[in-house]
Amino acid sequence: MDKRIKELIDITREKYCLHEYYLHTFDIHRNTTIFKDTVYRLSMEWFPNHIKNWDDETYNPEGTACIEIDIHSRKTKHVIFSEGISTVDGMTFDLNNRDEIIKWIEKETGLIYGRQFEFWKEEERELHFKECIDGVAVSPSGYIEFKLDKEGKLTLLSVYGQFPSEKLVKQEKYMLSLEQVEELAKEQLKLIEFPVIEQKKIVPAFAIEEIYIKNDCSSTLPFEFIVDDKFPLRMDKVIEWDDPIQKTFHGKILSLVENVTPEQAFWCEPHPDLQPITEDEIKKCISTIRKFLSQEYTSDSGKWALMSLCRDKGYIHATLKVKEQKERVF
């Protein structure tokens, strides 16, 4: 085992009082952020000592501690005890002492309460927090979940979202008014077709398509641009062919599991999904898509449009839709 990985594992064991647990498996994962950064995480599964010879890969035994940490910051991303059951001797909290819990979350996540996250709601033995910037809500919002069992033992801590550093935040006085965005709002009113599953039919309804407007009203961003961290390359190209291929298209099962090495993680190798799609790759993708459509939809030349291409774990994903397709939710 890489000594740097072993150090992180030992730190995790001590931090979460896993002295009556043993490390069952561990993996290194990486993903991109909307800021085009690469994040490396160490994911660990800890089994209680009394669980021996477990060979069922479909699920974990109750009491399993699944813990994920950021390899470089060493901050916690997820702590989940299977079935909500913890046999850890320690890691107990008092829900009535919210200040103590918030200080512990700050320590574990590196986030600052009131500046990067704030209280949202409380449920039975659960606290929920939302992302903010100096108390101002953001979108898309990150959030933090914190759960305890009946004895006050930690069973869940999960951090979702980007939570950008202060250097990425541009402070401005809010300038927009309803009068400024009125015309934009009218343009966002769309007639959308919704599926009604019970009646097995499509029904039309008016809906507002969400959009982001710059503070000076000089530009906008579509909703999917903000929430998508895959950086799709917009194409909007109609696919046509003259002669269909009279053969059945044969594909293959794709493996989307990456094998990330410690060297890649500690060297901070940029995620390959961040590389731009080249002109040569675009040509190969279009050729393959045309071949697929002409074999599977032989009479549909000119009916399909390639909307976008994007990288995902070593592959290029193509999104197509019917050229004349009406506005539908799905």
Foldseek 3Di string as FASTA:
>chain_A
DPVLVVVLVVVVCVVQQVPQKDWDDKAWDWDAALVQAIWIKIWTKIGGNVDPPDDDPPDDDAQIWIWMATSPVSATAKTAGPPLDHPHPDQFDDPVPVVVVQVVNCVRHVDDEQAFKYWDDDDDQKTKIWTDHNNHHDPPIKMWIWGAPPRRHTRITHTDDDSDDPVPDDDDDQADDCVLCVVVQVVQWDWAWEADVVVRDIDTDIDGQDKAADRVRPDIGGPCSNVDSQPWDFDFAAAADDAFDQDADDDDDDDQDDHDDPVCSVVSPRDPQSDDQDPVNVVVVSVVVNNNCCHPVVPCGRQKTFTTWGDGRHDIDIDMDGPPDDHYPD
